[in-house]
């Protein structure tokens, strides 16, 4: 059985007006301030339009003439589509 531990982050010296604005935003979205901060951080770190490394490398290869459409389709079918996990060295 694999147990995943979530990271904890402490933010020091957060201005009161920023905390208040996040608290109001959280209430508007019907969630806790902590949940709102998690959502803000996730959207900042993983914007919807970001290009993922595998897709970028495949596009370079296609543009360079290194992959045919069939080869690209083969890689697309073979690639793992689940989110990456942090390495566990225990």
N, C-alpha and C. Protein backbone atom coordinates (compact mmCIF):
# COMPACT_ATOMS: atom_id res chain seq x y z
N UNK A 1 0.84 -1.17 0.00
CA UNK A 1 0.00 0.00 0.00
C UNK A 1 0.89 1.24 0.00
N UNK A 2 0.57 2.20 -0.87
CA UNK A 2 1.33 3.44 -0.97
C UNK A 2 0.57 4.54 -0.24
N UNK A 3 1.26 5.25 0.63
CA UNK A 3 0.64 6.36 1.36
C UNK A 3 1.29 7.65 0.88
N UNK A 4 0.46 8.57 0.44
CA UNK A 4 0.96 9.86 -0.05
C UNK A 4 0.78 10.90 1.04
N UNK A 5 1.80 11.69 1.22
CA UNK A 5 1.74 12.76 2.20
C UNK A 5 1.64 14.09 1.46
N UNK A 6 0.68 14.88 1.83
CA UNK A 6 0.51 16.19 1.21
C UNK A 6 1.46 17.19 1.85
N UNK A 7 1.93 18.13 1.07
CA UNK A 7 2.84 19.15 1.57
C UNK A 7 2.07 20.21 2.36
N UNK A 8 2.75 20.80 3.31
CA UNK A 8 2.21 21.91 4.08
C UNK A 8 3.06 23.14 3.80
N UNK A 9 2.42 24.29 3.70
CA UNK A 9 3.12 25.53 3.44
C UNK A 9 2.64 26.58 4.44
N UNK A 10 3.58 27.29 5.03
CA UNK A 10 3.24 28.42 5.90
C UNK A 10 3.60 29.70 5.15
N UNK A 11 2.69 30.65 5.14
CA UNK A 11 2.94 31.93 4.49
C UNK A 11 3.08 32.98 5.58
N UNK A 12 4.27 33.54 5.67
CA UNK A 12 4.52 34.56 6.69
C UNK A 12 4.33 35.95 6.09
N UNK A 13 4.00 36.88 6.95
CA UNK A 13 3.89 38.30 6.58
C UNK A 13 2.88 38.56 5.48
N UNK A 14 1.79 37.82 5.47
CA UNK A 14 0.72 38.05 4.52
C UNK A 14 -0.05 39.29 4.97
N UNK A 15 -0.13 40.30 4.13
CA UNK A 15 -0.85 41.53 4.54
C UNK A 15 -2.31 41.23 4.89
N UNK A 16 -2.80 41.92 5.90
CA UNK A 16 -4.18 41.71 6.35
C UNK A 16 -5.19 41.90 5.22
N UNK A 17 -4.95 42.90 4.36
CA UNK A 17 -5.92 43.16 3.28
C UNK A 17 -5.95 42.01 2.27
N UNK A 18 -4.81 41.34 2.07
CA UNK A 18 -4.77 40.19 1.17
C UNK A 18 -5.54 39.02 1.80
N UNK A 19 -5.29 38.77 3.08
CA UNK A 19 -6.00 37.69 3.77
C UNK A 19 -7.50 37.96 3.77
N UNK A 20 -7.89 39.18 4.03
CA UNK A 20 -9.31 39.55 4.03
C UNK A 20 -9.93 39.33 2.65
N UNK A 21 -9.23 39.74 1.60
CA UNK A 21 -9.75 39.57 0.24
C UNK A 21 -9.91 38.09 -0.11
N UNK A 22 -8.95 37.26 0.31
CA UNK A 22 -9.05 35.82 0.04
C UNK A 22 -10.20 35.22 0.84
N UNK A 23 -10.36 35.66 2.07
CA UNK A 23 -11.46 35.16 2.91
C UNK A 23 -12.81 35.50 2.28
N UNK A 24 -12.95 36.72 1.75
CA UNK A 24 -14.19 37.13 1.09
C UNK A 24 -14.41 36.33 -0.19
N UNK A 25 -13.35 36.16 -0.95
CA UNK A 25 -13.43 35.37 -2.19
C UNK A 25 -13.84 33.92 -1.87
N UNK A 26 -13.29 33.36 -0.79
CA UNK A 26 -13.63 32.00 -0.39
C UNK A 26 -15.11 31.90 -0.03
N UNK A 27 -15.59 32.86 0.72
CA UNK A 27 -17.01 32.86 1.08
C UNK A 27 -17.89 32.95 -0.15
N UNK A 28 -17.47 33.75 -1.11
CA UNK A 28 -18.22 33.90 -2.36
C UNK A 28 -18.28 32.57 -3.12
N UNK A 29 -17.21 31.78 -3.03
CA UNK A 29 -17.15 30.48 -3.71
C UNK A 29 -17.68 29.34 -2.85
N UNK A 30 -18.08 29.65 -1.61
CA UNK A 30 -18.65 28.64 -0.73
C UNK A 30 -17.65 27.63 -0.20
N UNK A 31 -16.43 28.08 0.07
CA UNK A 31 -15.43 27.17 0.61
C UNK A 31 -14.60 27.88 1.67
N UNK A 32 -13.77 27.11 2.34
CA UNK A 32 -12.93 27.68 3.39
C UNK A 32 -11.81 28.53 2.78
N UNK A 33 -11.23 29.37 3.61
CA UNK A 33 -10.09 30.18 3.16
C UNK A 33 -8.95 29.28 2.72
N UNK A 34 -8.71 28.21 3.46
CA UNK A 34 -7.64 27.28 3.11
C UNK A 34 -7.90 26.63 1.75
N UNK A 35 -9.13 26.22 1.50
CA UNK A 35 -9.47 25.62 0.20
C UNK A 35 -9.32 26.65 -0.92
N UNK A 36 -9.67 27.89 -0.63
CA UNK A 36 -9.53 28.95 -1.64
C UNK A 36 -8.06 29.17 -1.99
N UNK A 37 -7.20 29.18 -0.97
CA UNK A 37 -5.76 29.36 -1.21
C UNK A 37 -5.21 28.20 -2.02
N UNK A 38 -5.64 26.96 -1.72
CA UNK A 38 -5.20 25.80 -2.51
C UNK A 38 -5.60 25.97 -3.97
N UNK A 39 -6.84 26.43 -4.21
CA UNK A 39 -7.31 26.62 -5.57
C UNK A 39 -6.51 27.70 -6.29
N UNK A 40 -6.23 28.79 -5.62
CA UNK A 40 -5.44 29.89 -6.20
C UNK A 40 -4.05 29.40 -6.57
N UNK A 41 -3.41 28.66 -5.67
CA UNK A 41 -2.06 28.15 -5.94
C UNK A 41 -2.06 27.14 -7.09
N UNK A 42 -3.06 26.26 -7.11
CA UNK A 42 -3.11 25.27 -8.19
C UNK A 42 -3.31 25.94 -9.55
N UNK A 43 -4.20 26.93 -9.62
CA UNK A 43 -4.43 27.63 -10.89
C UNK A 43 -3.19 28.40 -11.32
N UNK A 44 -2.44 28.96 -10.36
CA UNK A 44 -1.23 29.70 -10.69
C UNK A 44 -0.12 28.77 -11.17
N UNK A 45 0.00 27.62 -10.53
CA UNK A 45 1.08 26.69 -10.87
C UNK A 45 0.78 25.84 -12.09
N UNK A 46 -0.49 25.60 -12.36
CA UNK A 46 -0.88 24.73 -13.47
C UNK A 46 -1.97 25.39 -14.31
N UNK A 47 -1.63 26.46 -15.03
CA UNK A 47 -2.64 27.14 -15.83
C UNK A 47 -3.17 26.22 -16.93
N UNK A 48 -4.45 26.36 -17.31
CA UNK A 48 -5.06 25.46 -18.28
C UNK A 48 -4.37 25.45 -19.64
N UNK A 49 -3.80 26.54 -20.08
CA UNK A 49 -3.22 26.61 -21.41
C UNK A 49 -1.75 26.22 -21.48
N UNK A 50 -1.20 25.72 -20.37
CA UNK A 50 0.23 25.42 -20.37
C UNK A 50 0.55 24.26 -21.31
N UNK A 51 1.73 24.30 -21.86
CA UNK A 51 2.19 23.23 -22.74
C UNK A 51 3.00 22.25 -21.90
N UNK A 52 2.64 20.98 -21.97
CA UNK A 52 3.35 19.95 -21.21
C UNK A 52 4.57 19.51 -21.98
N UNK A 53 5.58 19.06 -21.26
CA UNK A 53 6.88 18.73 -21.85
C UNK A 53 6.77 17.70 -22.97
N UNK A 54 6.04 16.63 -22.75
CA UNK A 54 5.91 15.59 -23.77
C UNK A 54 5.29 16.12 -25.04
N UNK A 55 4.26 16.92 -24.92
CA UNK A 55 3.60 17.51 -26.08
C UNK A 55 4.55 18.45 -26.81
N UNK A 56 5.32 19.21 -26.05
CA UNK A 56 6.27 20.14 -26.65
C UNK A 56 7.35 19.40 -27.43
N UNK A 57 7.91 18.35 -26.83
CA UNK A 57 8.94 17.56 -27.52
C UNK A 57 8.39 16.90 -28.77
N UNK A 58 7.18 16.36 -28.69
CA UNK A 58 6.57 15.73 -29.86
C UNK A 58 6.34 16.76 -30.97
N UNK A 59 5.95 17.97 -30.61
CA UNK A 59 5.74 19.00 -31.64
C UNK A 59 7.06 19.39 -32.30
N UNK A 60 8.15 19.45 -31.50
CA UNK A 60 9.47 19.72 -32.09
C UNK A 60 9.83 18.65 -33.10
N UNK A 61 9.62 17.40 -32.73
CA UNK A 61 9.97 16.28 -33.62
C UNK A 61 9.14 16.33 -34.90
N UNK A 62 7.84 16.63 -34.76
CA UNK A 62 6.98 16.72 -35.96
C UNK A 62 7.44 17.85 -36.87
N UNK A 63 7.74 19.01 -36.27
CA UNK A 63 8.16 20.17 -37.06
C UNK A 63 9.50 19.92 -37.75
N UNK A 64 10.35 19.11 -37.12
CA UNK A 64 11.66 18.80 -37.70
C UNK A 64 11.57 17.67 -38.72
N UNK A 65 10.37 17.13 -38.88
CA UNK A 65 10.19 16.06 -39.84
C UNK A 65 10.58 14.70 -39.30
N UNK A 66 10.77 14.61 -37.98
CA UNK A 66 11.23 13.37 -37.38
C UNK A 66 10.14 12.36 -37.11
N UNK A 67 8.88 12.76 -37.06
CA UNK A 67 7.80 11.83 -36.79
C UNK A 67 6.74 11.95 -37.87
N UNK A 68 6.27 10.81 -38.32
CA UNK A 68 5.13 10.81 -39.24
C UNK A 68 3.87 10.94 -38.40
N UNK A 69 2.75 11.18 -39.03
CA UNK A 69 1.48 11.25 -38.30
C UNK A 69 1.19 9.92 -37.60
N UNK A 70 1.53 8.81 -38.25
CA UNK A 70 1.30 7.49 -37.66
C UNK A 70 2.17 7.30 -36.41
N UNK A 71 3.44 7.73 -36.49
CA UNK A 71 4.33 7.61 -35.33
C UNK A 71 3.83 8.49 -34.18
N UNK A 72 3.38 9.67 -34.52
CA UNK A 72 2.85 10.57 -33.49
C UNK A 72 1.63 9.94 -32.83
N UNK A 73 0.74 9.36 -33.62
CA UNK A 73 -0.45 8.70 -33.07
C UNK A 73 -0.05 7.55 -32.16
N UNK A 74 0.98 6.81 -32.53
CA UNK A 74 1.46 5.71 -31.70
C UNK A 74 1.94 6.22 -30.34
N UNK A 75 2.71 7.29 -30.33
CA UNK A 75 3.16 7.88 -29.07
C UNK A 75 1.98 8.40 -28.25
N UNK A 76 1.02 9.02 -28.89
CA UNK A 76 -0.16 9.55 -28.20
C UNK A 76 -0.91 8.43 -27.50
N UNK A 77 -1.07 7.29 -28.17
CA UNK A 77 -1.78 6.16 -27.57
C UNK A 77 -0.98 5.55 -26.42
N UNK A 78 0.34 5.57 -26.52
CA UNK A 78 1.19 4.91 -25.52
C UNK A 78 1.46 5.78 -24.30
N UNK A 79 1.29 7.07 -24.42
CA UNK A 79 1.70 7.92 -23.30
C UNK A 79 0.76 7.78 -22.11
N UNK A 80 1.33 7.93 -20.94
CA UNK A 80 0.57 7.84 -19.70
C UNK A 80 -0.13 9.17 -19.47
N UNK A 81 -1.43 9.13 -19.26
CA UNK A 81 -2.20 10.36 -19.18
C UNK A 81 -2.56 10.75 -17.75
N UNK A 82 -2.10 9.98 -16.78
CA UNK A 82 -2.37 10.33 -15.38
C UNK A 82 -1.34 11.34 -14.89
N UNK A 83 -1.70 12.07 -13.86
CA UNK A 83 -0.79 13.07 -13.30
C UNK A 83 0.44 12.41 -12.70
N UNK A 84 1.56 13.10 -12.80
CA UNK A 84 2.80 12.59 -12.22
C UNK A 84 2.72 12.60 -10.70
N UNK A 85 3.44 11.66 -10.08
CA UNK A 85 3.51 11.60 -8.61
C UNK A 85 4.92 11.94 -8.18
N UNK A 86 5.03 12.48 -7.00
CA UNK A 86 6.35 12.76 -6.44
C UNK A 86 7.06 11.46 -6.15
N UNK A 87 8.39 11.45 -6.30
CA UNK A 87 9.17 10.26 -6.01
C UNK A 87 9.18 9.98 -4.52
N UNK A 88 9.15 8.70 -4.16
CA UNK A 88 9.19 8.31 -2.77
C UNK A 88 10.44 7.46 -2.58
N UNK A 89 11.37 7.90 -1.75
CA UNK A 89 12.63 7.20 -1.57
C UNK A 89 12.70 6.42 -0.26
N UNK A 90 11.56 6.15 0.33
CA UNK A 90 11.54 5.39 1.59
C UNK A 90 11.40 3.92 1.32
